[in-house]
C-alpha atoms as a PDB file:
ATOM      1  CA  ARG A   1     110.230  88.727  87.465  1.00  0.00           C
ATOM      2  CA  CYS A   2     107.820  90.039  90.077  1.00  0.00           C
ATOM      3  CA  ARG A   3     107.152  93.500  90.610  1.00  0.00           C
ATOM      4  CA  GLU A   4     108.116  94.729  93.673  1.00  0.00           C
ATOM      5  CA  GLN A   5     105.404  97.365  94.053  1.00  0.00           C
ATOM      6  CA  PRO A   6     101.984  97.112  92.575  1.00  0.00           C
ATOM      7  CA  LEU A   7     101.143  98.895  89.342  1.00  0.00           C
ATOM      8  CA  ILE A   8      98.967 101.384  91.413  1.00  0.00           C
ATOM      9  CA  PRO A   9      99.583 101.664  94.893  1.00  0.00           C
ATOM     10  CA  PRO A  10      96.905 100.442  97.412  1.00  0.00           C
ATOM     11  CA  ALA A  11      96.447 103.893  98.793  1.00  0.00           C
ATOM     12  CA  PHE A  12      94.839 105.060  95.745  1.00  0.00           C
ATOM     13  CA  PRO A  13      91.107 105.830  95.893  1.00  0.00           C
ATOM     14  CA  HIS A  14      89.125 102.802  94.416  1.00  0.00           C
ATOM     15  CA  PHE A  15      87.351 105.167  91.678  1.00  0.00           C
ATOM     16  CA  LEU A  16      90.789 106.521  90.743  1.00  0.00           C
ATOM     17  CA  ARG A  17      92.258 102.750  90.531  1.00  0.00           C
ATOM     18  CA  ARG A  18      89.432 101.945  88.220  1.00  0.00           C
ATOM     19  CA  ARG A  19      89.998 104.693  85.833  1.00  0.00           C
ATOM     20  CA  LEU A  20      93.810 104.055  85.709  1.00  0.00           C
ATOM     21  CA  LEU A  21      93.393 100.676  84.847  1.00  0.00           C
ATOM     22  CA  SER A  22      90.557 101.154  82.441  1.00  0.00           C
ATOM     23  CA  PRO A  23      92.902 101.226  79.320  1.00  0.00           C
ATOM     24  CA  ARG A  24      94.451  97.636  80.278  1.00  0.00           C
ATOM     25  CA  LEU A  25      90.707  96.372  81.142  1.00  0.00           C
ATOM     26  CA  ARG A  26      89.882  97.189  77.630  1.00  0.00           C
ATOM     27  CA  ARG A  27      92.496  94.575  76.225  1.00  0.00           C
ATOM     28  CA  ILE A  28      91.278  91.738  78.536  1.00  0.00           C
ATOM     29  CA  ARG A  29      89.865  88.804  76.504  1.00  0.00           C
ATOM     30  CA  LEU A  30      90.371  86.198  78.809  1.00  0.00           C
ATOM     31  CA  VAL A  31      89.520  85.828  82.544  1.00  0.00           C
ATOM     32  CA  VAL A  32      90.943  83.151  84.475  1.00  0.00           C
ATOM     33  CA  CYS A  33      89.960  82.719  88.373  1.00  0.00           C
ATOM     34  CA  ASP A  34      91.577  80.614  91.078  1.00  0.00           C
ATOM     35  CA  VAL A  35      88.236  78.784  93.063  1.00  0.00           C
ATOM     36  CA  ASP A  36      89.051  78.574  96.601  1.00  0.00           C
ATOM     37  CA  GLY A  37      89.182  81.766  98.205  1.00  0.00           C
ATOM     38  CA  VAL A  38      88.129  83.588  94.896  1.00  0.00           C
ATOM     39  CA  LEU A  39      84.674  82.006  93.960  1.00  0.00           C
ATOM     40  CA  THR A  40      84.522  80.547  97.361  1.00  0.00           C
ATOM     41  CA  ASP A  41      85.192  81.898 100.664  1.00  0.00           C
ATOM     42  CA  GLY A  42      88.268  79.440 101.084  1.00  0.00           C
ATOM     43  CA  GLY A  43      86.333  77.123 103.469  1.00  0.00           C
ATOM     44  CA  LEU A  44      85.997  73.613 102.797  1.00  0.00           C
ATOM     45  CA  SER A  45      83.220  71.380 104.068  1.00  0.00           C
ATOM     46  CA  TYR A  46      82.725  67.836 103.695  1.00  0.00           C
ATOM     47  CA  ASP A  47      79.231  65.482 103.665  1.00  0.00           C
ATOM     48  CA  GLU A  48      78.867  62.525 105.419  1.00  0.00           C
ATOM     49  CA  ASP A  49      80.451  60.691 102.462  1.00  0.00           C
ATOM     50  CA  GLY A  50      83.669  62.624 102.654  1.00  0.00           C
ATOM     51  CA  THR A  51      82.519  64.906  99.498  1.00  0.00           C
ATOM     52  CA  VAL A  52      83.859  68.422  99.452  1.00  0.00           C
ATOM     53  CA  VAL A  53      80.928  70.761  99.616  1.00  0.00           C
ATOM     54  CA  LYS A  54      81.719  74.396  98.496  1.00  0.00           C
ATOM     55  CA  ARG A  55      79.563  77.652  98.473  1.00  0.00           C
ATOM     56  CA  PHE A  56      79.809  79.730  95.426  1.00  0.00           C
ATOM     57  CA  ASP A  57      78.044  83.167  95.020  1.00  0.00           C
ATOM     58  CA  VAL A  58      75.300  83.499  92.552  1.00  0.00           C
ATOM     59  CA  ARG A  59      76.417  86.982  91.610  1.00  0.00           C
ATOM     60  CA  ASP A  60      79.715  85.463  90.528  1.00  0.00           C
ATOM     61  CA  GLY A  61      77.767  83.054  88.553  1.00  0.00           C
ATOM     62  CA  LEU A  62      75.907  85.977  86.886  1.00  0.00           C
ATOM     63  CA  ALA A  63      79.199  87.605  86.439  1.00  0.00           C
ATOM     64  CA  VAL A  64      80.489  84.667  84.467  1.00  0.00           C
ATOM     65  CA  ARG A  65      77.380  84.518  82.123  1.00  0.00           C
ATOM     66  CA  MET A  66      77.924  88.303  81.271  1.00  0.00           C
ATOM     67  CA  LEU A  67      81.575  87.903  80.502  1.00  0.00           C
ATOM     68  CA  GLN A  68      80.676  84.942  78.130  1.00  0.00           C
ATOM     69  CA  GLN A  69      77.941  87.033  76.435  1.00  0.00           C
ATOM     70  CA  ALA A  70      80.666  89.959  75.856  1.00  0.00           C
ATOM     71  CA  GLY A  71      82.628  87.182  74.235  1.00  0.00           C
ATOM     72  CA  ILE A  72      85.397  87.154  76.928  1.00  0.00           C
ATOM     73  CA  THR A  73      86.414  83.466  77.862  1.00  0.00           C
ATOM     74  CA  VAL A  74      86.288  82.615  81.496  1.00  0.00           C
ATOM     75  CA  ALA A  75      88.587  79.925  82.826  1.00  0.00           C
ATOM     76  CA  LEU A  76      89.088  78.160  86.110  1.00  0.00           C
ATOM     77  CA  LEU A  77      92.707  77.025  87.420  1.00  0.00           C
ATOM     78  CA  SER A  78      92.875  75.590  90.881  1.00  0.00           C
ATOM     79  CA  GLY A  79      95.160  73.464  92.761  1.00  0.00           C
ATOM     80  CA  GLY A  80      92.450  71.720  94.580  1.00  0.00           C
ATOM     81  CA  ARG A  81      90.241  68.978  93.843  1.00  0.00           C
ATOM     82  CA  GLY A  82      86.921  67.359  94.979  1.00  0.00           C
ATOM     83  CA  GLY A  83      83.982  67.494  92.271  1.00  0.00           C
ATOM     84  CA  ALA A  84      82.353  70.800  93.253  1.00  0.00           C
ATOM     85  CA  THR A  85      84.345  73.009  91.124  1.00  0.00           C
ATOM     86  CA  GLU A  86      83.969  70.977  88.004  1.00  0.00           C
ATOM     87  CA  GLN A  87      80.289  70.708  88.678  1.00  0.00           C
ATOM     88  CA  ARG A  88      80.143  74.500  89.042  1.00  0.00           C
ATOM     89  CA  ALA A  89      82.007  74.875  85.745  1.00  0.00           C
ATOM     90  CA  ARG A  90      79.509  72.743  83.840  1.00  0.00           C
ATOM     91  CA  HIS A  91      76.665  74.490  85.335  1.00  0.00           C
ATOM     92  CA  LEU A  92      78.100  77.961  84.204  1.00  0.00           C
ATOM     93  CA  ASP A  93      79.467  76.472  80.655  1.00  0.00           C
ATOM     94  CA  ILE A  94      82.910  77.220  81.738  1.00  0.00           C
ATOM     95  CA  HIS A  95      84.979  75.150  78.943  1.00  0.00           C
ATOM     96  CA  HIS A  96      88.246  75.536  80.440  1.00  0.00           C
ATOM     97  CA  CYS A  97      88.367  74.044  84.140  1.00  0.00           C
ATOM     98  CA  ARG A  98      91.658  72.830  85.378  1.00  0.00           C
ATOM     99  CA  VAL A  99      91.767  71.365  88.815  1.00  0.00           C
ATOM    100  CA  GLY A 100      94.652  69.659  90.688  1.00  0.00           C
ATOM    101  CA  VAL A 101      97.173  71.999  88.949  1.00  0.00           C
ATOM    102  CA  SER A 102     100.581  72.003  90.816  1.00  0.00           C
ATOM    103  CA  ASN A 103     102.171  74.458  88.663  1.00  0.00           C
ATOM    104  CA  LYS A 104      99.589  77.396  87.929  1.00  0.00           C
ATOM    105  CA  ARG A 105     101.917  79.523  85.657  1.00  0.00           C
ATOM    106  CA  ALA A 106     102.563  76.550  83.602  1.00  0.00           C
ATOM    107  CA  GLY A 107      98.853  75.976  83.739  1.00  0.00           C
ATOM    108  CA  LEU A 108      98.022  79.277  82.754  1.00  0.00           C
ATOM    109  CA  GLU A 109     100.641  79.785  79.851  1.00  0.00           C
ATOM    110  CA  GLU A 110      99.470  76.341  78.438  1.00  0.00           C
ATOM    111  CA  LEU A 111      95.753  77.510  78.659  1.00  0.00           C
ATOM    112  CA  ARG A 112      96.718  80.882  76.782  1.00  0.00           C
ATOM    113  CA  HIS A 113      98.856  79.074  74.381  1.00  0.00           C
ATOM    114  CA  GLU A 114      95.791  76.868  73.442  1.00  0.00           C
ATOM    115  CA  LEU A 115      93.233  79.828  73.340  1.00  0.00           C
ATOM    116  CA  ALA A 116      96.002  81.976  71.379  1.00  0.00           C
ATOM    117  CA  MET A 117      95.551  84.450  73.886  1.00  0.00           C
ATOM    118  CA  GLY A 118      98.388  87.171  74.670  1.00  0.00           C
ATOM    119  CA  ARG A 119      99.663  88.117  78.251  1.00  0.00           C
ATOM    120  CA  GLU A 120      98.093  91.609  78.103  1.00  0.00           C
ATOM    121  CA  GLN A 121      94.614  89.817  77.081  1.00  0.00           C
ATOM    122  CA  THR A 122      94.563  87.887  80.603  1.00  0.00           C
ATOM    123  CA  ALA A 123      93.446  88.860  83.904  1.00  0.00           C
ATOM    124  CA  PHE A 124      93.729  86.566  86.610  1.00  0.00           C
ATOM    125  CA  LEU A 125      92.199  86.607  89.861  1.00  0.00           C
ATOM    126  CA  GLY A 126      93.915  84.824  92.824  1.00  0.00           C
ATOM    127  CA  ASP A 127      94.158  84.955  96.566  1.00  0.00           C
ATOM    128  CA  ASP A 128      97.009  83.432  97.972  1.00  0.00           C
ATOM    129  CA  LEU A 129     100.834  83.090  97.605  1.00  0.00           C
ATOM    130  CA  ASN A 130     100.502  80.104  95.467  1.00  0.00           C
ATOM    131  CA  ASP A 131      98.775  82.321  92.943  1.00  0.00           C
ATOM    132  CA  LEU A 132     101.725  84.934  92.931  1.00  0.00           C
ATOM    133  CA  VAL A 133     103.750  82.747  90.594  1.00  0.00           C
ATOM    134  CA  VAL A 134     101.313  83.724  87.241  1.00  0.00           C
ATOM    135  CA  ARG A 135     102.418  87.342  87.719  1.00  0.00           C
ATOM    136  CA  PRO A 136     104.527  87.058  84.780  1.00  0.00           C
ATOM    137  CA  ALA A 137     101.999  85.174  82.720  1.00  0.00           C
ATOM    138  CA  THR A 138      99.243  87.384  83.159  1.00  0.00           C
ATOM    139  CA  GLY A 139      98.364  91.109  82.067  1.00  0.00           C
ATOM    140  CA  LEU A 140      96.425  91.899  85.304  1.00  0.00           C
ATOM    141  CA  LEU A 141      96.795  90.219  88.513  1.00  0.00           C
ATOM    142  CA  ILE A 142      93.587  90.912  90.636  1.00  0.00           C
ATOM    143  CA  THR A 143      93.042  89.637  94.299  1.00  0.00           C
ATOM    144  CA  PRO A 144      89.683  89.794  96.543  1.00  0.00           C
ATOM    145  CA  ALA A 145      89.888  92.110  99.604  1.00  0.00           C
ATOM    146  CA  ASP A 146      90.873  89.002 102.146  1.00  0.00           C
ATOM    147  CA  ALA A 147      93.691  87.770  99.992  1.00  0.00           C
ATOM    148  CA  ALA A 148      97.025  86.970 101.472  1.00  0.00           C
ATOM    149  CA  PRO A 149      99.101  90.349 102.193  1.00  0.00           C
ATOM    150  CA  GLY A 150     102.046  89.368 100.199  1.00  0.00           C
ATOM    151  CA  LEU A 151      99.875  88.714  97.175  1.00  0.00           C
ATOM    152  CA  CYS A 152      97.866  92.071  97.826  1.00  0.00           C
ATOM    153  CA  ARG A 153     101.253  93.790  97.412  1.00  0.00           C
ATOM    154  CA  GLN A 154     101.978  92.870  94.202  1.00  0.00           C
ATOM    155  CA  ALA A 155      98.378  92.819  92.655  1.00  0.00           C
ATOM    156  CA  ASP A 156      97.331  95.441  90.316  1.00  0.00           C
ATOM    157  CA  TRP A 157      94.084  95.750  91.842  1.00  0.00           C
ATOM    158  CA  VAL A 158      92.879  94.600  95.565  1.00  0.00           C
ATOM    159  CA  LEU A 159      89.128  94.425  95.006  1.00  0.00           C
ATOM    160  CA  ARG A 160      86.653  95.603  97.903  1.00  0.00           C
ATOM    161  CA  ARG A 161      84.764  92.384  97.881  1.00  0.00           C
ATOM    162  CA  ARG A 162      85.907  89.121  99.699  1.00  0.00           C
ATOM    163  CA  GLY A 163      86.372  85.921  98.085  1.00  0.00           C
ATOM    164  CA  GLY A 164      83.121  83.904  97.763  1.00  0.00           C
ATOM    165  CA  ASP A 165      81.163  87.296  98.414  1.00  0.00           C
ATOM    166  CA  GLY A 166      80.970  88.601  94.847  1.00  0.00           C
ATOM    167  CA  ALA A 167      84.821  89.535  94.112  1.00  0.00           C
ATOM    168  CA  LEU A 168      84.553  88.182  90.405  1.00  0.00           C
ATOM    169  CA  ARG A 169      81.369  90.183  90.221  1.00  0.00           C
ATOM    170  CA  GLU A 170      82.991  93.351  91.167  1.00  0.00           C
ATOM    171  CA  PHE A 171      85.956  92.795  88.852  1.00  0.00           C
ATOM    172  CA  SER A 172      83.746  91.682  85.857  1.00  0.00           C
ATOM    173  CA  ASP A 173      81.577  94.948  86.223  1.00  0.00           C
ATOM    174  CA  ALA A 174      84.562  97.204  86.006  1.00  0.00           C
ATOM    175  CA  LEU A 175      85.878  95.123  82.865  1.00  0.00           C
ATOM    176  CA  LEU A 176      82.452  95.164  81.107  1.00  0.00           C
ATOM    177  CA  ALA A 177      81.972  98.657  81.906  1.00  0.00           C
ATOM    178  CA  SER A 178      85.309  99.531  80.409  1.00  0.00           C
ATOM    179  CA  GLN A 179      84.438  97.690  77.217  1.00  0.00           C
ATOM    180  CA  GLY A 180      81.077  99.309  76.751  1.00  0.00           C
ATOM    181  CA  TRP A 181      78.961  96.198  77.668  1.00  0.00           C
ATOM    182  CA  MET A 182      77.510  97.639  81.291  1.00  0.00           C
ATOM    183  CA  GLU A 183      75.117  99.828  80.039  1.00  0.00           C
ATOM    184  CA  GLY A 184      73.406  97.296  77.862  1.00  0.00           C
ATOM    185  CA  PHE A 185      73.275  94.890  80.508  1.00  0.00           C
ATOM    186  CA  GLU A 186      71.832  97.408  83.010  1.00  0.00           C
ATOM    187  CA  GLN A 187      69.359  98.840  80.700  1.00  0.00           C
ATOM    188  CA  SER A 188      68.124  95.272  79.077  1.00  0.00           C
ATOM    189  CA  GLY A 189      69.017  92.663  82.110  1.00  0.00           C
ATOM    190  CA  VAL A 190      70.814  89.606  81.249  1.00  0.00           C
ATOM    191  CA  GLY A 191      68.755  86.718  79.866  1.00  0.00           C
ATOM    192  CA  THR A 192      70.509  83.552  81.683  1.00  0.00           C
ATOM    193  CA  THR A 193      70.705  81.910  84.971  1.00  0.00           C
ATOM    194  CA  ASN A 194      73.408  81.851  87.298  1.00  0.00           C
END
């Protein structure tokens, strides 16, 4: 059952919102992202052969690498198709990439079962009303700043960054800080490509 109001009202200052969510962030072991509108700006371009071309933000790519180094599984769950998502997943060593998913709640529950992850261990980043169906299957529902208003009203956290403009990175920085990883990354850097 969907909550009528978000866990933390949108009027809360951003720093206070993160502090209140911190205990829940510490439990997260699985981060699942929608692709179009979260990892991309939601726009689709086609080349002369009809192949879909998408723009991904490299900061989100580094976020994936940092999450992986912290032992957090990253997965992609998208209703779209086209090849660009699968290529990006291969480039970032994301082993759980599901595209053409018509029922995202069922897809998320199947993924959680496969990985033996509980609801409270799972965060989902989505941007539109078709992502709202995962609400009962995830511990945290996160949206980029430019997500659909109906989704934002029910999200646990509306990020400051827009989809395709470092939204995953904003979330991952907070998640990694809550789990004690960020200080090490900031001191030593991250030894991988994005």
